[in-house]
Structures are given as structure tokens and as C-alpha cells.
Amino acid sequence: MRARIAFLSRLVALKLTALFAFVLLSLYTPSTTNTLLDGAGDASKMLAAGTESSLQSLGSLLGDAAMLMPKKGAVELTMRYVGMDKVLLFIAITIALYLAWLLLLGGLRGAWRRLDASGSPRGEKDARLRSGPPG
């Protein structure tokens, strides 16, 4: 139970950090944020096109029930309506922050181990001692 709570608290902290990063980006670099949103909008359009083609092919398989399938352009309009470009950008920022955190943490661990191993005679202590004369 404690592991689940720790995971959820890290997830919430990561999402809040992504939100603050998005706000800081929009406040201090609006042109970069607009460029990122345009790219996310293009990704949203590609996702909508793939979803629409999948729905159209599913509709052709269903035959008479195909009239229940949404019309062409409905998925893109829905994704634009719910702000899918902002959702995709938010997810991308979250993933980028998570990867940066993992790289930072991994780098610090590696540096700490290297620093710890440089002055430690552990390798010599663990070496096997020969019981007989060298030879």
C-alpha cells in the first residue's frame, strides 16, 4: 500500500511540475509555446485522421450499422473541441521532465558510486588470499 501511495504522490508531483513548466513556457517564451502547440496540433490531426480511417474501415465491415459511425471530420472536430493539442503537449512535457529526472538521478548515482569507489579499498579487502606460497 505504501508503494502505491508513493507512486501516486510522485505522479501527482510530476504532473504539477509539468503544469508549472507549461505555464512558465507560456509566460516567458510565448513564441516557443505557440510553435510547440502548432506541432501538437499537427500530431492531433494525424491522430484524428488515423482514428477516422479506422472508424471508416470498421463501418464498412459492419454493413447496415455503418450509419452509426461518425461522419468524416467529426473526430478532428471533437479533438479540436476538447483541446487535444494541449493534452498532447502536456503529455510530451511530462514525459520529457520524467526522462530528464531519470537522467539526472542516474548521473548523480553514477557520480556518487565513482566518487565512493575512488577512495575505498573495498576491492582489496574482498580479494582472495592465497593460502600457499606464490608460484
C-alpha atoms as a PDB file:
ATOM      1  CA  MET A   1       0.000   0.000   0.000  1.00  0.00           C
ATOM      2  CA  ARG A   2       2.842   2.341   0.846  1.00  0.00           C
ATOM      3  CA  ALA A   3       4.415   1.741  -2.593  1.00  0.00           C
ATOM      4  CA  ARG A   4       1.159   2.685  -4.306  1.00  0.00           C
ATOM      5  CA  ILE A   5       0.864   5.894  -2.323  1.00  0.00           C
ATOM      6  CA  ALA A   6       4.496   6.754  -3.102  1.00  0.00           C
ATOM      7  CA  PHE A   7       3.904   6.099  -6.807  1.00  0.00           C
ATOM      8  CA  LEU A   8       0.764   8.232  -6.867  1.00  0.00           C
ATOM      9  CA  SER A   9       2.449  11.070  -4.998  1.00  0.00           C
ATOM     10  CA  ARG A  10       5.380  11.022  -7.479  1.00  0.00           C
ATOM     11  CA  LEU A  11       2.901  11.018 -10.362  1.00  0.00           C
ATOM     12  CA  VAL A  12       0.992  13.986  -8.953  1.00  0.00           C
ATOM     13  CA  ALA A  13       4.240  15.863  -8.334  1.00  0.00           C
ATOM     14  CA  LEU A  14       5.329  15.168 -11.912  1.00  0.00           C
ATOM     15  CA  LYS A  15       2.009  16.375 -13.330  1.00  0.00           C
ATOM     16  CA  LEU A  16       2.131  19.553 -11.241  1.00  0.00           C
ATOM     17  CA  THR A  17       5.703  20.177 -12.361  1.00  0.00           C
ATOM     18  CA  ALA A  18       4.606  19.739 -15.982  1.00  0.00           C
ATOM     19  CA  LEU A  19       1.768  22.199 -15.432  1.00  0.00           C
ATOM     20  CA  PHE A  20       4.124  24.784 -13.932  1.00  0.00           C
ATOM     21  CA  ALA A  21       6.608  24.196 -16.768  1.00  0.00           C
ATOM     22  CA  PHE A  22       3.818  24.779 -19.299  1.00  0.00           C
ATOM     23  CA  VAL A  23       2.767  27.988 -17.516  1.00  0.00           C
ATOM     24  CA  LEU A  24       6.371  29.229 -17.340  1.00  0.00           C
ATOM     25  CA  LEU A  25       6.892  28.404 -21.016  1.00  0.00           C
ATOM     26  CA  SER A  26       3.778  30.299 -21.990  1.00  0.00           C
ATOM     27  CA  LEU A  27       4.688  33.312 -19.839  1.00  0.00           C
ATOM     28  CA  TYR A  28       8.341  33.676 -20.753  1.00  0.00           C
ATOM     29  CA  THR A  29       8.605  32.128 -24.223  1.00  0.00           C
ATOM     30  CA  PRO A  30       5.224  32.556 -25.920  1.00  0.00           C
ATOM     31  CA  SER A  31       6.634  32.058 -29.422  1.00  0.00           C
ATOM     32  CA  THR A  32       8.184  28.720 -28.435  1.00  0.00           C
ATOM     33  CA  THR A  33       4.949  27.669 -26.772  1.00  0.00           C
ATOM     34  CA  ASN A  34       2.973  28.587 -29.884  1.00  0.00           C
ATOM     35  CA  THR A  35       5.384  26.555 -32.006  1.00  0.00           C
ATOM     36  CA  LEU A  36       5.022  23.589 -29.672  1.00  0.00           C
ATOM     37  CA  LEU A  37       1.238  23.909 -29.720  1.00  0.00           C
ATOM     38  CA  ASP A  38       1.270  24.023 -33.529  1.00  0.00           C
ATOM     39  CA  GLY A  39       3.317  20.830 -33.597  1.00  0.00           C
ATOM     40  CA  ALA A  40       0.977  19.218 -31.105  1.00  0.00           C
ATOM     41  CA  GLY A  41      -1.958  20.367 -33.247  1.00  0.00           C
ATOM     42  CA  ASP A  42      -0.400  18.611 -36.250  1.00  0.00           C
ATOM     43  CA  ALA A  43       0.052  15.459 -34.154  1.00  0.00           C
ATOM     44  CA  SER A  44      -3.568  15.756 -33.069  1.00  0.00           C
ATOM     45  CA  LYS A  45      -4.663  15.999 -36.709  1.00  0.00           C
ATOM     46  CA  MET A  46      -2.646  12.891 -37.592  1.00  0.00           C
ATOM     47  CA  LEU A  47      -4.168  11.040 -34.650  1.00  0.00           C
ATOM     48  CA  ALA A  48      -7.641  12.149 -35.723  1.00  0.00           C
ATOM     49  CA  ALA A  49      -7.016  11.050 -39.320  1.00  0.00           C
ATOM     50  CA  GLY A  50      -5.880   7.612 -38.146  1.00  0.00           C
ATOM     51  CA  THR A  51      -8.893   7.291 -35.878  1.00  0.00           C
ATOM     52  CA  GLU A  52     -11.257   8.362 -38.655  1.00  0.00           C
ATOM     53  CA  SER A  53      -9.803   5.884 -41.131  1.00  0.00           C
ATOM     54  CA  SER A  54     -10.063   3.116 -38.533  1.00  0.00           C
ATOM     55  CA  LEU A  55     -13.687   4.033 -37.838  1.00  0.00           C
ATOM     56  CA  GLN A  56     -14.492   4.174 -41.554  1.00  0.00           C
ATOM     57  CA  SER A  57     -12.986   0.736 -42.154  1.00  0.00           C
ATOM     58  CA  LEU A  58     -14.868  -0.608 -39.137  1.00  0.00           C
ATOM     59  CA  GLY A  59     -18.061   0.936 -40.529  1.00  0.00           C
ATOM     60  CA  SER A  60     -17.537  -0.772 -43.863  1.00  0.00           C
ATOM     61  CA  LEU A  61     -17.210  -4.105 -42.061  1.00  0.00           C
ATOM     62  CA  LEU A  62     -20.430  -3.560 -40.124  1.00  0.00           C
ATOM     63  CA  GLY A  63     -22.593  -3.089 -43.201  1.00  0.00           C
ATOM     64  CA  ASP A  64     -26.021  -1.683 -42.243  1.00  0.00           C
ATOM     65  CA  ALA A  65     -24.776  -0.430 -38.871  1.00  0.00           C
ATOM     66  CA  ALA A  66     -22.329   1.867 -40.703  1.00  0.00           C
ATOM     67  CA  MET A  67     -24.832   4.708 -40.426  1.00  0.00           C
ATOM     68  CA  LEU A  68     -23.989   4.826 -36.713  1.00  0.00           C
ATOM     69  CA  MET A  69     -20.350   5.664 -37.496  1.00  0.00           C
ATOM     70  CA  PRO A  70     -19.368   9.355 -37.234  1.00  0.00           C
ATOM     71  CA  LYS A  71     -19.047  11.364 -40.429  1.00  0.00           C
ATOM     72  CA  LYS A  72     -15.671  12.299 -41.882  1.00  0.00           C
ATOM     73  CA  GLY A  73     -14.154  15.230 -39.974  1.00  0.00           C
ATOM     74  CA  ALA A  74     -16.116  14.590 -36.772  1.00  0.00           C
ATOM     75  CA  VAL A  75     -13.173  13.095 -34.895  1.00  0.00           C
ATOM     76  CA  GLU A  76     -10.878  16.000 -35.796  1.00  0.00           C
ATOM     77  CA  LEU A  77     -13.540  18.485 -34.738  1.00  0.00           C
ATOM     78  CA  THR A  78     -14.036  16.632 -31.448  1.00  0.00           C
ATOM     79  CA  MET A  79     -10.301  16.538 -30.781  1.00  0.00           C
ATOM     80  CA  ARG A  80     -10.039  20.253 -31.506  1.00  0.00           C
ATOM     81  CA  TYR A  81     -13.039  20.904 -29.269  1.00  0.00           C
ATOM     82  CA  VAL A  82     -11.565  19.065 -26.278  1.00  0.00           C
ATOM     83  CA  GLY A  83      -8.148  20.687 -26.804  1.00  0.00           C
ATOM     84  CA  MET A  84      -6.284  17.550 -27.752  1.00  0.00           C
ATOM     85  CA  ASP A  85      -3.281  19.594 -28.904  1.00  0.00           C
ATOM     86  CA  LYS A  86      -2.845  20.934 -25.382  1.00  0.00           C
ATOM     87  CA  VAL A  87      -3.270  17.443 -23.936  1.00  0.00           C
ATOM     88  CA  LEU A  88      -0.608  16.038 -26.278  1.00  0.00           C
ATOM     89  CA  LEU A  89       1.769  18.890 -25.440  1.00  0.00           C
ATOM     90  CA  PHE A  90       1.149  18.381 -21.719  1.00  0.00           C
ATOM     91  CA  ILE A  91       1.876  14.650 -22.070  1.00  0.00           C
ATOM     92  CA  ALA A  92       5.057  15.405 -24.027  1.00  0.00           C
ATOM     93  CA  ILE A  93       6.251  17.878 -21.376  1.00  0.00           C
ATOM     94  CA  THR A  94       5.530  15.312 -18.657  1.00  0.00           C
ATOM     95  CA  ILE A  95       7.496  12.604 -20.468  1.00  0.00           C
ATOM     96  CA  ALA A  96      10.387  14.993 -21.135  1.00  0.00           C
ATOM     97  CA  LEU A  97      10.523  16.030 -17.471  1.00  0.00           C
ATOM     98  CA  TYR A  98      10.407  12.389 -16.361  1.00  0.00           C
ATOM     99  CA  LEU A  99      13.257  11.433 -18.700  1.00  0.00           C
ATOM    100  CA  ALA A 100      15.283  14.447 -17.560  1.00  0.00           C
ATOM    101  CA  TRP A 101      14.693  13.422 -13.942  1.00  0.00           C
ATOM    102  CA  LEU A 102      15.809   9.852 -14.654  1.00  0.00           C
ATOM    103  CA  LEU A 103      18.946  11.077 -16.445  1.00  0.00           C
ATOM    104  CA  LEU A 104      19.768  13.464 -13.611  1.00  0.00           C
ATOM    105  CA  LEU A 105      19.182  10.815 -10.966  1.00  0.00           C
ATOM    106  CA  GLY A 106      21.173   8.208 -12.906  1.00  0.00           C
ATOM    107  CA  GLY A 107      24.038  10.637 -13.460  1.00  0.00           C
ATOM    108  CA  LEU A 108      24.152  11.578  -9.797  1.00  0.00           C
ATOM    109  CA  ARG A 109      24.110   7.915  -8.741  1.00  0.00           C
ATOM    110  CA  GLY A 110      26.918   7.093 -11.163  1.00  0.00           C
ATOM    111  CA  ALA A 111      28.984  10.046  -9.992  1.00  0.00           C
ATOM    112  CA  TRP A 112      28.401   9.123  -6.350  1.00  0.00           C
ATOM    113  CA  ARG A 113      29.434   5.498  -6.942  1.00  0.00           C
ATOM    114  CA  ARG A 114      32.528   6.563  -8.857  1.00  0.00           C
ATOM    115  CA  LEU A 115      33.470   9.018  -6.099  1.00  0.00           C
ATOM    116  CA  ASP A 116      32.791   6.440  -3.405  1.00  0.00           C
ATOM    117  CA  ALA A 117      34.811   3.756  -5.177  1.00  0.00           C
ATOM    118  CA  SER A 118      37.810   6.013  -5.819  1.00  0.00           C
ATOM    119  CA  GLY A 119      38.927   6.212  -2.199  1.00  0.00           C
ATOM    120  CA  SER A 120      37.610   2.938  -0.916  1.00  0.00           C
ATOM    121  CA  PRO A 121      39.832  -0.113  -0.566  1.00  0.00           C
ATOM    122  CA  ARG A 122      36.845  -2.477  -0.800  1.00  0.00           C
ATOM    123  CA  GLY A 123      38.214  -4.250  -3.849  1.00  0.00           C
ATOM    124  CA  GLU A 124      41.394  -5.142  -1.991  1.00  0.00           C
ATOM    125  CA  LYS A 125      39.527  -6.356   1.088  1.00  0.00           C
ATOM    126  CA  ASP A 126      37.367  -8.678  -0.947  1.00  0.00           C
ATOM    127  CA  ALA A 127      40.314 -10.178  -2.806  1.00  0.00           C
ATOM    128  CA  ARG A 128      41.056 -13.817  -2.065  1.00  0.00           C
ATOM    129  CA  LEU A 129      44.098 -14.557  -0.042  1.00  0.00           C
ATOM    130  CA  ARG A 130      46.289 -17.415  -1.177  1.00  0.00           C
ATOM    131  CA  SER A 131      46.999 -19.997   1.405  1.00  0.00           C
ATOM    132  CA  GLY A 132      50.245 -21.225  -0.037  1.00  0.00           C
ATOM    133  CA  PRO A 133      53.432 -19.700  -1.372  1.00  0.00           C
ATOM    134  CA  PRO A 134      53.246 -17.724  -4.606  1.00  0.00           C
ATOM    135  CA  GLY A 135      54.060 -19.695  -7.553  1.00  0.00           C
END
